[in-house]
Amino acid sequence: MTAIFSILFSLAYAALLTIYRSSWKAIPEAQLPQNFKPKNFITIIIPARNEAENIEACLRSILYGTYPSNLLGVIVIDDFSEDETAEIVYQLSESLSRGLGTGSSVTCIRLAEHLPPEARFTPNKKKAIELGLAQAKGEIIVTTDADCRAPKDWLLLIAAAFDNPHIKMVCGPVAFHQEKNLLQKFQSLDFLGMMGITGAGAQLGWHYMANGANLAYRKQVFKEVNGYAGDEDLASGDDMFLVQKVAKHWPRSTVFLKNQKATVLTEAAPDWKSFWQQRLRWGTKNAALPSWPLRLSLLTVFLFCCSIWVNLALVLMYPVVGLLANNLWILLFQITIKAHFDYLFLSEMCRYFNRRDLLRWFWPSFFLHTAYIVLLGTASIFLKKYEWKGRKAT
């Protein structure tokens, strides 16, 4: 029975990655129309907590892009920072108001002035975005994170997508850069795979995913789906739950912005502790996701990786149970299947994003992925507490 399930999970995994790869390749490349002149005012909302080291570089990458400054406003919401995050934003805002910058407006809002003092001990990202939305001008809202760097044509590509009146939400690509160790190389490969699944899922109409570091929507859309209503009890998920609400309310109105020049860059978790906390935060919301095709895809990957570890355990237990021959060939079959289809999928993603250098780290990343899917997947079921930005969350 174990052998039958192992083979079935292997074939399901192979089919899933084959479909994702072909669907990714089928996504049309987002293009800027010739002589494109944007008309919409864009407000960028950036929640920030203890980002003094990153916030200025983030803002400058946005302000010195190619989007017209008279159509751009940036709102930074300081989430009870314990460093100089707010002061840096104020200084930059003052320099812009004195005519020393680009002409765009930068506003800093302190959550401490809008929430009770005890809120400093709980995650407030959703409240920060809601507050930014209340202050936002124009029709288009874009969210990103304070530790991100934006490419120069990023907003032009987003604005061009919204020229189609049927488009309600645009999900853009996010990638890691400046990796320094094996863990960060692994995260980069894994995240490129996640971008492929995000784009392919939208192309197929199977499921919709998003990353708040590169997400755009019409302001009215947020209001019509009641924003984060119903999801307030989860600290994470400001992006995933919102995109699924929009996709359900307006089918085929959400698109993935497939263009390398629209890719927002950020840095991977620097160490194992922060990596674990980040992925646990992401994983705890999976069971609450309303999209059953997405949950089914996640379950398929989880069960396949679990079956690999079960067969490895049975092989190692050979002196006790005497099942070496049968389980060994099944284990080798599963490893071959996973390695082959992972490589095909990831090599396509690395080629598209010009990160073929990451493929040198494929084999160590392969084993890390097989382990972390099982460990994090199991932990996210039973462990609902994690640390985020120096706070305990559930």
Protein backbone atom coordinates (compact mmCIF):
# COMPACT_ATOMS: atom_id res chain seq x y z
CA MET A 1 0.00 0.00 0.00
CA THR A 2 2.86 2.39 0.82
CA ALA A 3 4.38 1.70 -2.61
CA ILE A 4 1.11 2.47 -4.43
CA PHE A 5 0.61 5.79 -2.63
CA SER A 6 4.26 6.72 -3.16
CA ILE A 7 3.98 6.17 -6.90
CA LEU A 8 0.67 8.04 -7.12
CA PHE A 9 2.09 11.03 -5.22
CA SER A 10 5.14 11.00 -7.50
CA LEU A 11 3.07 11.02 -10.66
CA ALA A 12 0.79 13.75 -9.29
CA TYR A 13 3.82 15.90 -8.45
CA ALA A 14 5.33 15.38 -11.91
CA ALA A 15 2.03 16.29 -13.58
CA LEU A 16 1.60 19.37 -11.38
CA LEU A 17 5.05 20.78 -12.18
CA THR A 18 4.64 19.99 -15.88
CA ILE A 19 1.37 21.92 -15.98
CA TYR A 20 2.86 24.83 -14.03
CA ARG A 21 5.88 25.02 -16.33
CA SER A 22 3.87 24.99 -19.54
CA SER A 23 1.37 27.50 -18.14
CA TRP A 24 4.17 29.85 -17.07
CA LYS A 25 5.57 29.77 -20.59
CA ALA A 26 2.10 30.53 -21.95
CA ILE A 27 1.71 33.77 -19.98
CA PRO A 28 1.99 36.69 -22.41
CA GLU A 29 4.85 39.08 -21.71
CA ALA A 30 3.61 42.38 -20.29
CA GLN A 31 4.68 45.22 -22.58
CA LEU A 32 4.67 48.99 -22.44
CA PRO A 33 2.66 50.38 -25.37
CA GLN A 34 4.70 52.60 -27.65
CA ASN A 35 4.72 56.24 -26.45
CA PHE A 36 2.72 55.20 -23.39
CA LYS A 37 1.65 58.17 -21.25
CA PRO A 38 0.10 57.23 -17.89
CA LYS A 39 -2.97 59.07 -16.66
CA ASN A 40 -3.67 57.49 -13.28
CA PHE A 41 -2.37 58.81 -9.98
CA ILE A 42 -0.63 56.01 -8.07
CA THR A 43 -0.30 55.90 -4.30
CA ILE A 44 2.32 53.53 -2.91
CA ILE A 45 1.74 52.27 0.62
CA ILE A 46 4.75 51.03 2.58
CA PRO A 47 4.28 49.61 6.08
CA ALA A 48 7.59 49.90 7.94
CA ARG A 49 8.88 48.75 11.30
CA ASN A 50 12.52 49.20 12.30
CA GLU A 51 13.65 49.73 8.71
CA ALA A 52 16.11 52.60 9.20
CA GLU A 53 18.76 50.68 7.25
CA ASN A 54 16.50 50.16 4.24
CA ILE A 55 13.79 52.77 3.97
CA GLU A 56 15.76 55.54 2.24
CA ALA A 57 17.12 53.24 -0.47
CA CYS A 58 13.61 51.84 -0.98
CA LEU A 59 12.09 55.29 -1.37
CA ARG A 60 14.80 56.54 -3.70
CA SER A 61 14.40 53.51 -5.97
CA ILE A 62 10.71 54.45 -6.28
CA LEU A 63 11.06 58.22 -6.55
CA TYR A 64 13.79 58.11 -9.17
CA GLY A 65 11.93 55.71 -11.43
CA THR A 66 10.36 56.69 -14.73
CA TYR A 67 6.80 57.26 -13.49
CA PRO A 68 5.72 60.93 -13.71
CA SER A 69 6.31 62.60 -10.35
CA ASN A 70 3.07 64.59 -10.54
CA LEU A 71 1.14 61.30 -10.63
CA LEU A 72 2.93 59.64 -7.73
CA GLY A 73 2.52 59.74 -3.97
CA VAL A 74 4.17 57.57 -1.32
CA ILE A 75 2.76 56.90 2.14
CA VAL A 76 5.02 55.24 4.72
CA ILE A 77 3.21 53.94 7.79
CA ASP A 78 5.60 53.70 10.72
CA ASP A 79 4.59 50.69 12.83
CA PHE A 80 5.88 51.65 16.29
CA SER A 81 9.50 51.60 15.08
CA GLU A 82 12.19 51.62 17.74
CA ASP A 83 14.80 53.14 15.42
CA GLU A 84 15.02 56.20 13.15
CA THR A 85 12.70 54.92 10.41
CA ALA A 86 10.18 57.76 10.76
CA GLU A 87 12.86 60.44 11.09
CA ILE A 88 14.52 59.34 7.85
CA VAL A 89 11.20 59.50 6.00
CA TYR A 90 10.46 62.96 7.44
CA GLN A 91 13.88 64.23 6.33
CA LEU A 92 13.39 62.92 2.81
CA SER A 93 9.90 64.40 2.68
CA GLU A 94 11.25 67.80 3.71
CA SER A 95 13.94 67.72 1.04
CA LEU A 96 11.30 66.98 -1.57
CA SER A 97 9.10 69.82 -0.36
CA ARG A 98 12.06 72.20 -0.70
CA GLY A 99 12.41 71.23 -4.34
CA LEU A 100 15.50 69.10 -3.84
CA GLY A 101 13.93 65.88 -5.03
CA THR A 102 11.71 64.53 -7.78
CA GLY A 103 8.45 66.40 -7.22
CA SER A 104 6.63 63.38 -5.82
CA SER A 105 5.12 63.54 -2.36
CA VAL A 106 6.25 61.37 0.55
CA THR A 107 4.12 61.20 3.68
CA CYS A 108 4.91 59.48 6.97
CA ILE A 109 2.09 58.36 9.24
CA ARG A 110 2.83 57.04 12.73
CA LEU A 111 0.57 54.23 13.88
CA ALA A 112 1.29 55.34 17.44
CA GLU A 113 -0.90 58.36 16.76
CA HIS A 114 -3.84 56.25 15.58
CA LEU A 115 -3.77 53.04 17.65
CA PRO A 116 -3.79 52.44 21.43
CA PRO A 117 -0.38 51.96 23.13
CA GLU A 118 -0.86 48.20 23.57
CA ALA A 119 -0.91 47.82 19.76
CA ARG A 120 2.88 48.14 19.77
CA PHE A 121 3.06 44.53 20.94
CA THR A 122 1.02 43.01 18.08
CA PRO A 123 1.52 42.81 14.28
CA ASN A 124 -0.24 45.73 12.59
CA LYS A 125 0.44 45.38 8.88
CA LYS A 126 -3.22 45.16 7.88
CA LYS A 127 -4.12 48.14 10.04
CA ALA A 128 -1.20 50.06 8.52
CA ILE A 129 -2.39 49.40 4.97
CA GLU A 130 -5.97 50.34 5.87
CA LEU A 131 -4.75 53.62 7.35
CA GLY A 132 -2.67 54.31 4.24
CA LEU A 133 -5.66 53.61 2.02
CA ALA A 134 -7.74 56.12 3.95
CA GLN A 135 -5.14 58.78 3.14
CA ALA A 136 -4.43 57.69 -0.44
CA LYS A 137 -5.12 59.83 -3.49
CA GLY A 138 -6.08 58.56 -6.91
CA GLU A 139 -7.45 55.32 -8.22
CA ILE A 140 -4.48 52.93 -8.12
CA ILE A 141 -2.95 51.55 -4.90
CA VAL A 142 0.43 49.81 -4.91
CA THR A 143 1.94 48.09 -1.88
CA THR A 144 5.55 47.17 -1.29
CA ASP A 145 7.85 46.54 1.67
CA ALA A 146 10.39 48.87 3.22
CA ASP A 147 13.32 46.54 2.51
CA CYS A 148 12.59 46.33 -1.23
CA ARG A 149 14.18 47.94 -4.29
CA ALA A 150 11.97 48.89 -7.23
CA PRO A 151 13.08 48.81 -10.89
CA LYS A 152 12.75 52.09 -12.77
CA ASP A 153 9.89 51.07 -15.12
CA TRP A 154 7.96 49.18 -12.43
CA LEU A 155 5.10 51.64 -12.04
CA LEU A 156 4.80 52.29 -15.77
CA LEU A 157 4.21 48.59 -16.35
CA ILE A 158 1.61 48.49 -13.58
CA ALA A 159 -0.16 51.56 -14.94
CA ALA A 160 -0.21 50.07 -18.44
CA ALA A 161 -1.88 46.91 -17.10
CA PHE A 162 -4.63 49.01 -15.52
CA ASP A 163 -5.39 50.68 -18.83
CA ASN A 164 -7.56 47.62 -19.36
CA PRO A 165 -10.75 48.59 -17.45
CA HIS A 166 -11.51 44.93 -16.67
CA ILE A 167 -8.32 44.52 -14.62
CA LYS A 168 -8.93 44.94 -10.89
CA MET A 169 -5.65 43.67 -9.45
CA VAL A 170 -2.08 43.19 -10.67
CA CYS A 171 0.30 40.78 -8.94
CA GLY A 172 3.94 41.50 -9.70
CA PRO A 173 7.06 39.35 -9.39
CA VAL A 174 9.37 39.50 -6.38
CA ALA A 175 12.87 38.04 -6.26
CA PHE A 176 15.76 37.84 -3.83
CA HIS A 177 19.18 39.27 -4.55
CA GLN A 178 22.59 39.78 -2.93
CA GLU A 179 22.70 36.25 -1.54
CA LYS A 180 25.64 35.51 0.75
CA ASN A 181 25.27 31.86 1.79
CA LEU A 182 23.68 28.52 0.93
CA LEU A 183 20.50 29.29 2.83
CA GLN A 184 19.93 32.47 0.84
CA LYS A 185 20.76 30.75 -2.47
CA PHE A 186 18.19 28.10 -1.61
CA GLN A 187 15.59 30.76 -0.79
CA SER A 188 16.24 32.49 -4.12
CA LEU A 189 15.66 29.29 -6.05
CA ASP A 190 12.59 28.44 -3.98
CA PHE A 191 11.16 31.94 -4.44
CA LEU A 192 11.63 31.88 -8.20
CA GLY A 193 9.67 28.64 -8.18
CA MET A 194 6.98 30.36 -6.14
CA MET A 195 6.78 33.16 -8.74
CA GLY A 196 6.33 30.55 -11.44
CA ILE A 197 3.50 28.91 -9.54
CA THR A 198 1.91 32.31 -8.88
CA GLY A 199 1.95 33.25 -12.54
CA ALA A 200 0.91 29.82 -13.79
CA GLY A 201 -1.97 29.58 -11.31
CA ALA A 202 -3.37 32.91 -12.53
CA GLN A 203 -2.88 31.94 -16.17
CA LEU A 204 -4.78 28.71 -15.63
CA GLY A 205 -7.45 30.34 -13.48
CA TRP A 206 -6.78 27.59 -10.92
CA HIS A 207 -5.71 29.73 -8.01
CA TYR A 208 -4.48 33.21 -7.24
CA MET A 209 -1.49 34.12 -5.10
CA ALA A 210 0.19 37.45 -4.42
CA ASN A 211 3.09 39.01 -2.58
CA GLY A 212 2.52 42.27 -0.75
CA ALA A 213 5.95 43.47 -1.84
CA ASN A 214 4.59 43.90 -5.37
CA LEU A 215 0.81 44.18 -5.43
CA ALA A 216 -1.49 46.74 -7.06
CA TYR A 217 -5.25 47.18 -7.14
CA ARG A 218 -7.93 49.76 -7.71
CA LYS A 219 -8.82 51.59 -4.51
CA GLN A 220 -12.53 51.00 -5.01
CA VAL A 221 -11.92 47.26 -5.30
CA PHE A 222 -10.55 47.11 -1.74
CA LYS A 223 -13.73 48.77 -0.49
CA GLU A 224 -16.09 46.57 -2.49
CA VAL A 225 -14.61 43.32 -1.10
CA ASN A 226 -14.60 44.81 2.43
CA GLY A 227 -10.83 44.78 2.62
CA TYR A 228 -9.52 42.45 5.30
CA ALA A 229 -12.91 41.84 6.91
CA GLY A 230 -13.06 38.23 8.09
CA ASP A 231 -9.28 37.82 8.14
CA GLU A 232 -8.41 40.21 10.97
CA ASP A 233 -7.56 37.40 13.39
CA LEU A 234 -4.61 36.31 11.22
CA ALA A 235 -1.50 38.47 11.51
CA SER A 236 -0.32 37.43 8.05
CA GLY A 237 -2.14 37.12 4.74
CA ASP A 238 -2.77 40.76 3.81
CA ASP A 239 -1.86 39.80 0.24
CA MET A 240 -3.11 36.21 -0.20
CA PHE A 241 -6.58 36.65 1.28
CA LEU A 242 -7.16 39.91 -0.56
CA VAL A 243 -6.20 38.54 -3.98
CA GLN A 244 -8.47 35.55 -3.51
CA LYS A 245 -11.37 37.78 -2.51
CA VAL A 246 -10.89 39.89 -5.62
CA ALA A 247 -10.51 36.86 -7.90
CA LYS A 248 -13.70 35.34 -6.52
CA HIS A 249 -15.68 38.58 -6.83
CA TRP A 250 -14.45 39.37 -10.36
CA PRO A 251 -13.28 36.21 -12.14
CA ARG A 252 -10.33 36.70 -14.52
CA SER A 253 -9.85 40.28 -13.32
CA THR A 254 -6.50 39.54 -11.63
CA VAL A 255 -3.33 39.22 -13.70
CA PHE A 256 0.28 38.35 -13.07
CA LEU A 257 2.64 41.01 -14.42
CA LYS A 258 5.14 38.87 -16.30
CA ASN A 259 8.02 41.18 -17.07
CA GLN A 260 11.50 41.04 -15.63
CA LYS A 261 11.56 44.85 -15.51
CA ALA A 262 8.63 44.75 -13.09
CA THR A 263 10.47 42.56 -10.57
CA VAL A 264 10.84 44.05 -7.10
CA LEU A 265 14.00 42.91 -5.32
CA THR A 266 14.51 42.16 -1.66
CA GLU A 267 16.91 40.13 0.47
CA ALA A 268 16.35 36.60 1.73
CA ALA A 269 16.29 35.74 5.42
CA PRO A 270 19.92 35.87 6.62
CA ASP A 271 19.89 32.94 9.05
CA TRP A 272 18.02 29.77 9.93
CA LYS A 273 16.05 31.30 12.81
CA SER A 274 14.62 34.17 10.75
CA PHE A 275 13.99 31.80 7.83
CA TRP A 276 12.03 29.44 10.08
CA GLN A 277 9.96 32.26 11.57
CA GLN A 278 9.23 33.74 8.13
CA ARG A 279 8.12 30.46 6.59
CA LEU A 280 6.14 29.50 9.68
CA ARG A 281 4.32 32.83 9.39
CA TRP A 282 3.50 32.08 5.76
CA GLY A 283 2.50 28.49 6.49
CA THR A 284 0.09 29.17 9.35
CA LYS A 285 -2.39 30.83 6.99
CA ASN A 286 -2.48 28.01 4.41
CA ALA A 287 -5.26 26.06 6.09
CA ALA A 288 -7.44 29.18 6.12
CA LEU A 289 -6.99 29.96 2.42
CA PRO A 290 -10.38 29.89 0.69
CA SER A 291 -9.00 28.57 -2.63
CA TRP A 292 -9.33 24.77 -2.63
CA PRO A 293 -7.20 24.30 -5.80
CA LEU A 294 -4.33 26.09 -4.06
CA ARG A 295 -4.75 24.02 -0.91
CA LEU A 296 -4.86 20.86 -3.05
CA SER A 297 -1.62 21.83 -4.81
CA LEU A 298 0.10 22.54 -1.49
CA LEU A 299 -1.18 19.23 -0.11
CA THR A 300 0.12 17.32 -3.13
CA VAL A 301 3.63 18.71 -2.67
CA PHE A 302 3.51 18.09 1.09
CA LEU A 303 2.35 14.47 0.80
CA PHE A 304 4.88 13.71 -1.94
CA CYS A 305 7.77 14.99 0.18
CA CYS A 306 6.40 13.11 3.21
CA SER A 307 6.32 9.89 1.21
CA ILE A 308 9.99 10.35 0.28
CA TRP A 309 10.90 10.53 3.96
CA VAL A 310 8.71 7.54 4.80
CA ASN A 311 10.46 5.42 2.19
CA LEU A 312 13.87 6.62 3.36
CA ALA A 313 12.94 5.61 6.91
CA LEU A 314 11.85 2.16 5.72
CA VAL A 315 15.12 1.67 3.83
CA LEU A 316 17.12 2.62 6.92
CA MET A 317 15.01 0.21 8.97
CA TYR A 318 15.91 -2.74 6.69
CA PRO A 319 17.62 -4.78 9.43
CA VAL A 320 14.35 -4.65 11.38
CA VAL A 321 11.63 -5.04 8.76
CA GLY A 322 13.50 -6.49 5.77
CA LEU A 323 11.95 -4.23 3.11
CA LEU A 324 15.12 -2.90 1.53
CA ALA A 325 14.72 -4.01 -2.07
CA ASN A 326 11.13 -2.85 -2.51
CA ASN A 327 11.45 0.53 -0.80
CA LEU A 328 14.88 1.33 -2.15
CA TRP A 329 13.74 1.34 -5.77
CA ILE A 330 10.66 3.36 -4.84
CA LEU A 331 12.85 5.90 -3.02
CA LEU A 332 15.20 6.18 -6.00
CA PHE A 333 12.21 6.55 -8.33
CA GLN A 334 10.82 9.40 -6.20
CA ILE A 335 14.15 11.21 -5.97
CA THR A 336 14.57 10.90 -9.74
CA ILE A 337 11.07 12.25 -10.37
CA LYS A 338 11.49 15.18 -7.99
CA ALA A 339 14.97 16.10 -9.21
CA HIS A 340 14.01 15.89 -12.89
CA PHE A 341 10.83 17.96 -12.72
CA ASP A 342 12.21 20.41 -10.17
CA TYR A 343 15.18 21.07 -12.43
CA LEU A 344 13.05 21.56 -15.55
CA PHE A 345 10.79 24.01 -13.73
CA LEU A 346 13.51 25.94 -11.90
CA SER A 347 15.79 26.13 -14.93
CA GLU A 348 12.94 27.79 -16.84
CA MET A 349 12.46 30.30 -14.03
CA CYS A 350 16.20 30.98 -13.70
CA ARG A 351 16.47 31.49 -17.44
CA TYR A 352 13.60 33.98 -17.48
CA PHE A 353 14.90 36.03 -14.55
CA ASN A 354 18.55 35.83 -15.68
CA ARG A 355 19.60 33.88 -12.59
CA ARG A 356 21.17 30.78 -14.13
CA ASP A 357 23.92 31.11 -11.54
CA LEU A 358 21.49 29.77 -8.94
CA LEU A 359 21.34 26.39 -10.69
CA ARG A 360 24.81 25.64 -9.33
CA TRP A 361 23.07 25.33 -5.99
CA PHE A 362 20.36 23.00 -7.24
CA TRP A 363 21.38 19.80 -5.44
CA PRO A 364 21.84 21.19 -1.93
CA SER A 365 18.64 23.21 -2.46
CA PHE A 366 16.87 20.04 -3.63
CA PHE A 367 17.53 18.26 -0.33
CA LEU A 368 16.77 21.37 1.73
CA HIS A 369 13.45 21.78 -0.06
CA THR A 370 12.47 18.15 0.50
CA ALA A 371 13.17 18.52 4.20
CA TYR A 372 11.71 21.97 4.80
CA ILE A 373 8.40 21.21 3.08
CA VAL A 374 7.77 18.40 5.56
CA LEU A 375 9.12 20.17 8.65
CA LEU A 376 7.44 23.54 8.00
CA GLY A 377 4.24 21.97 6.73
CA THR A 378 3.91 19.89 9.88
CA ALA A 379 4.93 22.76 12.16
CA SER A 380 2.40 25.15 10.60
CA ILE A 381 -0.39 22.72 11.51
CA PHE A 382 0.53 22.46 15.18
CA LEU A 383 2.51 25.64 15.90
CA LYS A 384 0.41 28.78 15.57
CA LYS A 385 2.83 31.11 17.34
CA TYR A 386 5.80 32.78 15.73
CA GLU A 387 7.92 35.89 16.02
CA TRP A 388 7.58 38.68 13.48
CA LYS A 389 9.42 42.01 13.58
CA GLY A 390 10.30 41.43 17.24
CA ARG A 391 6.71 40.59 18.21
CA LYS A 392 4.91 37.42 19.13
CA ALA A 393 2.06 36.60 16.77
CA THR A 394 -0.58 33.91 16.49
